[in-house]
Amino acid sequence: MLIPVVRAEAFYQPPPHQPADAWALVPPAERVFRWVELRQQRRLEPPEGFVLGHQLYARINHNRWVADCPCGSAQVVTPTDPRLACTECGAGWFRLVFPEDPEAAEVEVADDLPHERNWWHPDDPSWDRPVQQPADPQIEEPVVTSLLGGGRA
């Protein structure tokens, strides 16, 4: 049985004493505010407007769609409601960038174990890994010489 990549609408669920569909009319990006209110026992209001000129990149991290706020906080997000408002700093709504085909990104990692399912948007400047180049069989492996003996290792 395939374990699906977790999205906000599946992660942010009402508590067990409420009906499973109690938050069905709450947009997925806003459910985090209800979820945090329940767990931290503090009232939160979603912000009114968008932060203009900024966009954040969504990624799959350990089998969850997540995005990072510039303040350092992060949330589970969803391509069905591509926006994020931080419950920590309250900066406003950020537009999220997902791949053109989120399902294709999910399929790309589907064969990995859930904790190894990671995918980064290729345009995300936070992705600090170099692009993987295919191995060229014509290039020989470098010869490592010993500093002490000068011979081959």
N, C-alpha and C. Protein backbone atom coordinates (compact mmCIF):
# COMPACT_ATOMS: atom_id res chain seq x y z
N MET A 1 0.83 -1.18 0.00
CA MET A 1 0.00 0.00 0.00
C MET A 1 0.88 1.25 0.00
N LEU A 2 0.64 2.13 -0.93
CA LEU A 2 1.42 3.35 -1.06
C LEU A 2 1.02 4.36 0.00
N ILE A 3 2.01 4.92 0.68
CA ILE A 3 1.76 5.96 1.67
C ILE A 3 1.84 7.30 0.94
N PRO A 4 0.74 8.06 0.86
CA PRO A 4 0.76 9.31 0.10
C PRO A 4 1.57 10.40 0.80
N VAL A 5 2.09 11.34 0.00
CA VAL A 5 2.76 12.51 0.55
C VAL A 5 1.70 13.33 1.29
N VAL A 6 2.02 13.75 2.50
CA VAL A 6 1.05 14.45 3.35
C VAL A 6 0.92 15.91 2.92
N ARG A 7 -0.32 16.34 2.80
CA ARG A 7 -0.66 17.73 2.47
C ARG A 7 -1.38 18.36 3.66
N ALA A 8 -1.50 19.67 3.64
CA ALA A 8 -2.10 20.40 4.77
C ALA A 8 -3.49 19.90 5.10
N GLU A 9 -4.30 19.61 4.09
CA GLU A 9 -5.68 19.19 4.37
C GLU A 9 -5.74 17.85 5.09
N ALA A 10 -4.71 17.02 4.97
CA ALA A 10 -4.66 15.75 5.69
C ALA A 10 -3.96 15.90 7.04
N PHE A 11 -3.03 16.85 7.15
CA PHE A 11 -2.25 17.02 8.38
C PHE A 11 -3.03 17.79 9.45
N TYR A 12 -3.62 18.91 9.06
CA TYR A 12 -4.34 19.76 10.01
C TYR A 12 -5.79 19.31 10.11
N GLN A 13 -6.05 18.44 11.07
CA GLN A 13 -7.37 17.85 11.26
C GLN A 13 -7.98 18.32 12.58
N PRO A 14 -9.31 18.34 12.66
CA PRO A 14 -9.94 18.70 13.93
C PRO A 14 -9.63 17.67 15.01
N PRO A 15 -9.79 18.06 16.27
CA PRO A 15 -9.51 17.11 17.36
C PRO A 15 -10.53 15.97 17.35
N PRO A 16 -10.20 14.87 18.01
CA PRO A 16 -11.06 13.68 17.98
C PRO A 16 -12.49 13.92 18.48
N HIS A 17 -12.70 14.88 19.37
CA HIS A 17 -14.05 15.10 19.90
C HIS A 17 -14.95 15.86 18.93
N GLN A 18 -14.40 16.33 17.81
CA GLN A 18 -15.19 17.02 16.79
C GLN A 18 -15.39 16.09 15.60
N PRO A 19 -16.44 16.32 14.81
CA PRO A 19 -16.63 15.51 13.61
C PRO A 19 -15.43 15.65 12.66
N ALA A 20 -15.13 14.61 11.93
CA ALA A 20 -13.98 14.62 11.02
C ALA A 20 -14.07 15.72 9.97
N ASP A 21 -15.28 16.12 9.62
CA ASP A 21 -15.44 17.17 8.60
C ASP A 21 -15.70 18.56 9.21
N ALA A 22 -15.40 18.74 10.48
CA ALA A 22 -15.67 20.02 11.16
C ALA A 22 -14.93 21.19 10.51
N TRP A 23 -13.79 20.94 9.91
CA TRP A 23 -13.01 22.02 9.29
C TRP A 23 -13.11 21.97 7.77
N ALA A 24 -14.07 21.25 7.25
CA ALA A 24 -14.19 21.07 5.80
C ALA A 24 -14.37 22.38 5.05
N LEU A 25 -15.00 23.36 5.66
CA LEU A 25 -15.22 24.64 4.98
C LEU A 25 -14.08 25.64 5.19
N VAL A 26 -13.10 25.27 5.98
CA VAL A 26 -11.93 26.13 6.21
C VAL A 26 -10.92 25.85 5.11
N PRO A 27 -10.48 26.89 4.37
CA PRO A 27 -9.48 26.65 3.33
C PRO A 27 -8.24 25.96 3.92
N PRO A 28 -7.64 25.03 3.18
CA PRO A 28 -6.52 24.26 3.73
C PRO A 28 -5.38 25.10 4.30
N ALA A 29 -5.04 26.22 3.67
CA ALA A 29 -3.94 27.05 4.17
C ALA A 29 -4.29 27.73 5.49
N GLU A 30 -5.56 27.83 5.81
CA GLU A 30 -5.99 28.50 7.05
C GLU A 30 -6.21 27.52 8.20
N ARG A 31 -6.22 26.24 7.91
CA ARG A 31 -6.46 25.24 8.97
C ARG A 31 -5.35 25.23 10.01
N VAL A 32 -4.15 25.64 9.61
CA VAL A 32 -3.04 25.68 10.56
C VAL A 32 -3.36 26.59 11.73
N PHE A 33 -4.14 27.66 11.49
CA PHE A 33 -4.48 28.58 12.58
C PHE A 33 -5.38 27.90 13.60
N ARG A 34 -6.33 27.11 13.17
CA ARG A 34 -7.19 26.36 14.11
C ARG A 34 -6.37 25.31 14.85
N TRP A 35 -5.49 24.64 14.11
CA TRP A 35 -4.67 23.58 14.68
C TRP A 35 -3.75 24.14 15.78
N VAL A 36 -3.09 25.27 15.51
CA VAL A 36 -2.20 25.89 16.49
C VAL A 36 -2.99 26.41 17.68
N GLU A 37 -4.16 26.99 17.44
CA GLU A 37 -5.00 27.47 18.55
C GLU A 37 -5.31 26.35 19.53
N LEU A 38 -5.65 25.19 19.01
CA LEU A 38 -5.98 24.05 19.87
C LEU A 38 -4.78 23.57 20.67
N ARG A 39 -3.63 23.53 20.06
CA ARG A 39 -2.45 22.97 20.71
C ARG A 39 -1.73 23.97 21.61
N GLN A 40 -1.77 25.25 21.26
CA GLN A 40 -1.06 26.24 22.07
C GLN A 40 -2.00 27.06 22.96
N GLN A 41 -3.30 26.83 22.83
CA GLN A 41 -4.29 27.52 23.65
C GLN A 41 -4.13 29.05 23.57
N ARG A 42 -3.96 29.53 22.34
CA ARG A 42 -3.92 30.98 22.13
C ARG A 42 -4.67 31.30 20.85
N ARG A 43 -5.36 32.42 20.87
CA ARG A 43 -6.19 32.83 19.73
C ARG A 43 -5.30 33.43 18.65
N LEU A 44 -5.51 32.98 17.43
CA LEU A 44 -4.76 33.48 16.27
C LEU A 44 -5.74 33.86 15.18
N GLU A 45 -5.49 34.97 14.54
CA GLU A 45 -6.28 35.39 13.39
C GLU A 45 -5.40 35.34 12.15
N PRO A 46 -5.88 34.76 11.07
CA PRO A 46 -5.10 34.82 9.82
C PRO A 46 -4.92 36.28 9.39
N PRO A 47 -3.80 36.60 8.77
CA PRO A 47 -3.56 37.98 8.34
C PRO A 47 -4.52 38.38 7.22
N GLU A 48 -4.60 39.67 7.00
CA GLU A 48 -5.51 40.22 5.99
C GLU A 48 -4.93 40.18 4.58
N GLY A 49 -3.67 40.58 4.42
CA GLY A 49 -3.13 40.75 3.08
C GLY A 49 -1.91 39.91 2.78
N PHE A 50 -1.48 40.02 1.52
CA PHE A 50 -0.31 39.28 1.05
C PHE A 50 0.95 40.11 1.20
N VAL A 51 2.07 39.44 1.38
CA VAL A 51 3.38 40.08 1.37
C VAL A 51 3.76 40.18 -0.10
N LEU A 52 3.79 41.40 -0.62
CA LEU A 52 4.06 41.61 -2.04
C LEU A 52 5.54 41.48 -2.34
N GLY A 53 5.85 40.96 -3.51
CA GLY A 53 7.23 40.86 -3.95
C GLY A 53 7.99 39.68 -3.38
N HIS A 54 7.32 38.82 -2.64
CA HIS A 54 7.99 37.65 -2.06
C HIS A 54 7.21 36.40 -2.43
N GLN A 55 7.94 35.37 -2.71
CA GLN A 55 7.34 34.05 -2.92
C GLN A 55 8.20 33.03 -2.21
N LEU A 56 7.58 32.00 -1.74
CA LEU A 56 8.27 30.92 -1.05
C LEU A 56 8.10 29.64 -1.85
N TYR A 57 9.09 28.77 -1.76
CA TYR A 57 9.05 27.51 -2.51
C TYR A 57 8.62 26.37 -1.59
N ALA A 58 7.67 25.60 -2.07
CA ALA A 58 7.25 24.40 -1.36
C ALA A 58 8.17 23.25 -1.75
N ARG A 59 8.35 22.32 -0.83
CA ARG A 59 9.18 21.15 -1.10
C ARG A 59 8.60 19.96 -0.36
N ILE A 60 9.00 18.79 -0.78
CA ILE A 60 8.64 17.58 -0.04
C ILE A 60 9.78 17.30 0.92
N ASN A 61 9.47 17.23 2.20
CA ASN A 61 10.46 16.98 3.23
C ASN A 61 9.94 15.85 4.11
N HIS A 62 10.62 14.72 4.07
CA HIS A 62 10.22 13.55 4.86
C HIS A 62 8.74 13.23 4.67
N ASN A 63 8.32 13.23 3.40
CA ASN A 63 6.98 12.81 2.99
C ASN A 63 5.89 13.83 3.32
N ARG A 64 6.25 15.10 3.50
CA ARG A 64 5.25 16.15 3.73
C ARG A 64 5.57 17.32 2.82
N TRP A 65 4.53 17.95 2.26
CA TRP A 65 4.74 19.21 1.56
C TRP A 65 4.93 20.28 2.63
N VAL A 66 6.07 20.96 2.62
CA VAL A 66 6.34 22.01 3.60
C VAL A 66 6.88 23.25 2.89
N ALA A 67 6.79 24.37 3.59
CA ALA A 67 7.40 25.62 3.14
C ALA A 67 7.91 26.34 4.38
N ASP A 68 9.01 27.07 4.20
CA ASP A 68 9.63 27.80 5.30
C ASP A 68 9.28 29.28 5.23
N CYS A 69 8.91 29.85 6.36
CA CYS A 69 8.72 31.29 6.46
C CYS A 69 10.11 31.93 6.56
N PRO A 70 10.28 33.16 6.10
CA PRO A 70 11.58 33.82 6.26
C PRO A 70 12.02 33.95 7.73
N CYS A 71 11.08 33.87 8.68
CA CYS A 71 11.44 33.98 10.09
C CYS A 71 12.07 32.70 10.63
N GLY A 72 12.00 31.61 9.85
CA GLY A 72 12.58 30.34 10.28
C GLY A 72 11.56 29.29 10.65
N SER A 73 10.31 29.67 10.79
CA SER A 73 9.26 28.70 11.07
C SER A 73 8.89 27.97 9.77
N ALA A 74 8.17 26.88 9.89
CA ALA A 74 7.76 26.12 8.71
C ALA A 74 6.37 25.56 8.94
N GLN A 75 5.69 25.22 7.85
CA GLN A 75 4.35 24.64 7.93
C GLN A 75 4.18 23.57 6.88
N VAL A 76 3.26 22.66 7.16
CA VAL A 76 2.81 21.73 6.14
C VAL A 76 1.87 22.52 5.23
N VAL A 77 2.06 22.40 3.92
CA VAL A 77 1.29 23.18 2.94
C VAL A 77 0.66 22.26 1.91
N THR A 78 -0.07 22.84 0.98
CA THR A 78 -0.75 22.03 -0.04
C THR A 78 -0.80 22.76 -1.37
N PRO A 79 -0.66 22.04 -2.47
CA PRO A 79 -0.78 22.68 -3.78
C PRO A 79 -2.22 23.09 -4.10
N THR A 80 -3.20 22.60 -3.37
CA THR A 80 -4.59 23.00 -3.63
C THR A 80 -4.92 24.38 -3.07
N ASP A 81 -4.07 24.94 -2.22
CA ASP A 81 -4.23 26.28 -1.65
C ASP A 81 -2.82 26.84 -1.44
N PRO A 82 -2.17 27.29 -2.53
CA PRO A 82 -0.74 27.62 -2.50
C PRO A 82 -0.40 28.96 -1.83
N ARG A 83 -0.56 29.00 -0.53
CA ARG A 83 -0.19 30.18 0.24
C ARG A 83 0.17 29.75 1.64
N LEU A 84 0.93 30.61 2.32
CA LEU A 84 1.37 30.34 3.68
C LEU A 84 1.30 31.64 4.47
N ALA A 85 0.73 31.58 5.66
CA ALA A 85 0.76 32.68 6.62
C ALA A 85 1.34 32.12 7.91
N CYS A 86 2.40 32.72 8.38
CA CYS A 86 3.12 32.18 9.52
C CYS A 86 2.36 32.43 10.82
N THR A 87 2.23 31.38 11.62
CA THR A 87 1.59 31.50 12.92
C THR A 87 2.56 32.01 13.98
N GLU A 88 3.82 32.12 13.64
CA GLU A 88 4.83 32.62 14.58
C GLU A 88 5.03 34.13 14.45
N CYS A 89 5.38 34.59 13.25
CA CYS A 89 5.71 36.01 13.07
C CYS A 89 4.54 36.84 12.57
N GLY A 90 3.54 36.21 11.93
CA GLY A 90 2.37 36.94 11.45
C GLY A 90 2.66 37.92 10.33
N ALA A 91 3.67 37.67 9.54
CA ALA A 91 4.09 38.63 8.50
C ALA A 91 3.02 38.88 7.44
N GLY A 92 2.17 37.95 7.18
CA GLY A 92 1.16 38.07 6.12
C GLY A 92 1.17 36.82 5.28
N TRP A 93 0.33 36.82 4.25
CA TRP A 93 0.26 35.67 3.35
C TRP A 93 1.39 35.74 2.33
N PHE A 94 2.06 34.62 2.14
CA PHE A 94 3.08 34.48 1.11
C PHE A 94 2.52 33.57 0.02
N ARG A 95 2.81 33.91 -1.23
CA ARG A 95 2.45 33.03 -2.34
C ARG A 95 3.47 31.91 -2.39
N LEU A 96 2.98 30.69 -2.56
CA LEU A 96 3.86 29.52 -2.63
C LEU A 96 4.06 29.08 -4.07
N VAL A 97 5.26 28.64 -4.36
CA VAL A 97 5.58 28.10 -5.68
C VAL A 97 5.68 26.58 -5.54
N PHE A 98 4.81 25.90 -6.24
CA PHE A 98 4.82 24.44 -6.33
C PHE A 98 5.28 24.07 -7.74
N PRO A 99 5.65 22.82 -7.95
CA PRO A 99 5.95 22.42 -9.33
C PRO A 99 4.67 22.50 -10.17
N GLU A 100 4.86 22.58 -11.48
CA GLU A 100 3.69 22.63 -12.36
C GLU A 100 2.79 21.42 -12.16
N ASP A 101 3.40 20.29 -11.86
CA ASP A 101 2.65 19.05 -11.64
C ASP A 101 3.06 18.46 -10.28
N PRO A 102 2.40 18.87 -9.20
CA PRO A 102 2.78 18.35 -7.88
C PRO A 102 2.69 16.83 -7.77
N GLU A 103 1.71 16.25 -8.46
CA GLU A 103 1.58 14.79 -8.41
C GLU A 103 2.80 14.11 -9.00
N ALA A 104 3.41 14.71 -10.03
CA ALA A 104 4.62 14.13 -10.63
C ALA A 104 5.77 14.15 -9.63
N ALA A 105 5.88 15.21 -8.84
CA ALA A 105 6.92 15.26 -7.80
C ALA A 105 6.67 14.20 -6.74
N GLU A 106 5.40 13.98 -6.41
CA GLU A 106 5.06 12.95 -5.44
C GLU A 106 5.39 11.55 -5.98
N VAL A 107 5.12 11.33 -7.25
CA VAL A 107 5.43 10.04 -7.88
C VAL A 107 6.95 9.84 -7.94
N GLU A 108 7.69 10.93 -8.16
CA GLU A 108 9.15 10.85 -8.25
C GLU A 108 9.78 10.30 -6.97
N VAL A 109 9.18 10.58 -5.82
CA VAL A 109 9.73 10.11 -4.55
C VAL A 109 8.98 8.89 -3.98
N ALA A 110 7.98 8.42 -4.68
CA ALA A 110 7.09 7.37 -4.15
C ALA A 110 7.80 6.07 -3.81
N ASP A 111 8.88 5.74 -4.51
CA ASP A 111 9.56 4.47 -4.25
C ASP A 111 10.51 4.54 -3.05
N ASP A 112 10.76 5.74 -2.54
CA ASP A 112 11.63 5.89 -1.37
C ASP A 112 10.85 5.59 -0.10
N LEU A 113 11.57 5.26 0.96
CA LEU A 113 10.91 5.12 2.26
C LEU A 113 10.37 6.50 2.65
N PRO A 114 9.25 6.56 3.39
CA PRO A 114 8.66 7.87 3.70
C PRO A 114 9.63 8.87 4.32
N HIS A 115 10.50 8.43 5.22
CA HIS A 115 11.42 9.38 5.85
C HIS A 115 12.54 9.83 4.90
N GLU A 116 12.66 9.17 3.75
CA GLU A 116 13.67 9.56 2.76
C GLU A 116 13.06 10.28 1.57
N ARG A 117 11.78 10.57 1.63
CA ARG A 117 11.11 11.25 0.51
C ARG A 117 11.35 12.75 0.62
N ASN A 118 12.25 13.23 -0.20
CA ASN A 118 12.60 14.64 -0.22
C ASN A 118 12.67 15.12 -1.66
N TRP A 119 12.08 16.27 -1.92
CA TRP A 119 12.09 16.85 -3.26
C TRP A 119 12.16 18.36 -3.11
N TRP A 120 13.04 18.99 -3.90
CA TRP A 120 13.19 20.45 -3.89
C TRP A 120 12.84 20.99 -5.26
N HIS A 121 12.21 22.14 -5.28
CA HIS A 121 11.93 22.83 -6.54
C HIS A 121 13.27 23.24 -7.14
N PRO A 122 13.51 22.99 -8.43
CA PRO A 122 14.81 23.32 -9.01
C PRO A 122 15.15 24.81 -8.98
N ASP A 123 14.16 25.69 -8.88
CA ASP A 123 14.42 27.13 -8.83
C ASP A 123 14.57 27.67 -7.42
N ASP A 124 14.43 26.82 -6.42
CA ASP A 124 14.49 27.27 -5.03
C ASP A 124 15.92 27.66 -4.67
N PRO A 125 16.16 28.93 -4.33
CA PRO A 125 17.52 29.35 -3.98
C PRO A 125 18.00 28.75 -2.66
N SER A 126 17.10 28.22 -1.86
CA SER A 126 17.49 27.59 -0.59
C SER A 126 18.07 26.20 -0.79
N TRP A 127 17.86 25.64 -1.97
CA TRP A 127 18.36 24.31 -2.25
C TRP A 127 19.87 24.39 -2.42
N ASP A 128 20.59 23.97 -1.41
CA ASP A 128 22.03 24.16 -1.37
C ASP A 128 22.82 22.98 -1.92
N ARG A 129 22.17 22.16 -2.68
CA ARG A 129 22.88 21.01 -3.23
C ARG A 129 23.20 21.25 -4.70
N PRO A 130 24.39 20.87 -5.13
CA PRO A 130 24.71 21.04 -6.55
C PRO A 130 23.87 20.10 -7.41
N VAL A 131 23.65 20.51 -8.63
CA VAL A 131 22.90 19.68 -9.57
C VAL A 131 23.71 18.42 -9.82
N GLN A 132 23.05 17.28 -9.75
CA GLN A 132 23.73 16.01 -9.97
C GLN A 132 24.03 15.83 -11.45
N GLN A 133 25.29 15.63 -11.76
CA GLN A 133 25.71 15.38 -13.13
C GLN A 133 25.80 13.87 -13.34
N PRO A 134 25.38 13.40 -14.50
CA PRO A 134 25.51 11.96 -14.75
C PRO A 134 26.99 11.56 -14.80
N ALA A 135 27.27 10.37 -14.30
CA ALA A 135 28.64 9.89 -14.30
C ALA A 135 29.10 9.63 -15.73
N ASP A 136 30.32 10.06 -16.03
CA ASP A 136 30.89 9.85 -17.36
C ASP A 136 31.84 8.66 -17.27
N PRO A 137 31.51 7.55 -17.91
CA PRO A 137 32.36 6.36 -17.79
C PRO A 137 33.75 6.54 -18.41
N GLN A 138 33.95 7.56 -19.25
CA GLN A 138 35.26 7.76 -19.88
C GLN A 138 36.25 8.46 -18.95
N ILE A 139 35.76 9.08 -17.90
CA ILE A 139 36.65 9.77 -16.97
C ILE A 139 37.13 8.75 -15.94
N GLU A 140 38.45 8.65 -15.82
CA GLU A 140 39.01 7.71 -14.85
C GLU A 140 38.93 8.31 -13.45
N GLU A 141 38.86 7.43 -12.49
CA GLU A 141 38.89 7.87 -11.10
C GLU A 141 40.27 8.45 -10.81
N PRO A 142 40.35 9.53 -10.02
CA PRO A 142 41.65 10.11 -9.72
C PRO A 142 42.49 9.16 -8.88
N VAL A 143 43.79 9.21 -9.09
CA VAL A 143 44.73 8.40 -8.33
C VAL A 143 45.05 9.17 -7.06
N VAL A 144 44.86 8.53 -5.93
CA VAL A 144 45.15 9.16 -4.65
C VAL A 144 46.55 8.74 -4.25
N THR A 145 47.39 9.71 -4.02
CA THR A 145 48.76 9.39 -3.61
C THR A 145 48.92 9.63 -2.13
N SER A 146 49.75 8.83 -1.54
CA SER A 146 50.01 8.97 -0.12
C SER A 146 50.95 10.14 0.11
N LEU A 147 50.66 10.95 1.09
CA LEU A 147 51.52 12.09 1.39
C LEU A 147 52.87 11.63 1.94
N LEU A 148 52.89 10.51 2.61
CA LEU A 148 54.14 10.05 3.21
C LEU A 148 54.97 9.21 2.25
N GLY A 149 54.35 8.29 1.56
CA GLY A 149 55.11 7.37 0.74
C GLY A 149 55.14 7.72 -0.73
N GLY A 150 54.26 8.59 -1.19
CA GLY A 150 54.23 8.98 -2.59
C GLY A 150 53.71 7.90 -3.51
N GLY A 151 53.30 6.76 -2.98
CA GLY A 151 52.80 5.69 -3.82
C GLY A 151 51.31 5.79 -4.06
N ARG A 152 50.80 4.79 -4.74
CA ARG A 152 49.37 4.75 -5.00
C ARG A 152 48.64 4.20 -3.78
N ALA A 153 47.47 4.72 -3.58
CA ALA A 153 46.68 4.26 -2.44
C ALA A 153 45.84 3.07 -2.84
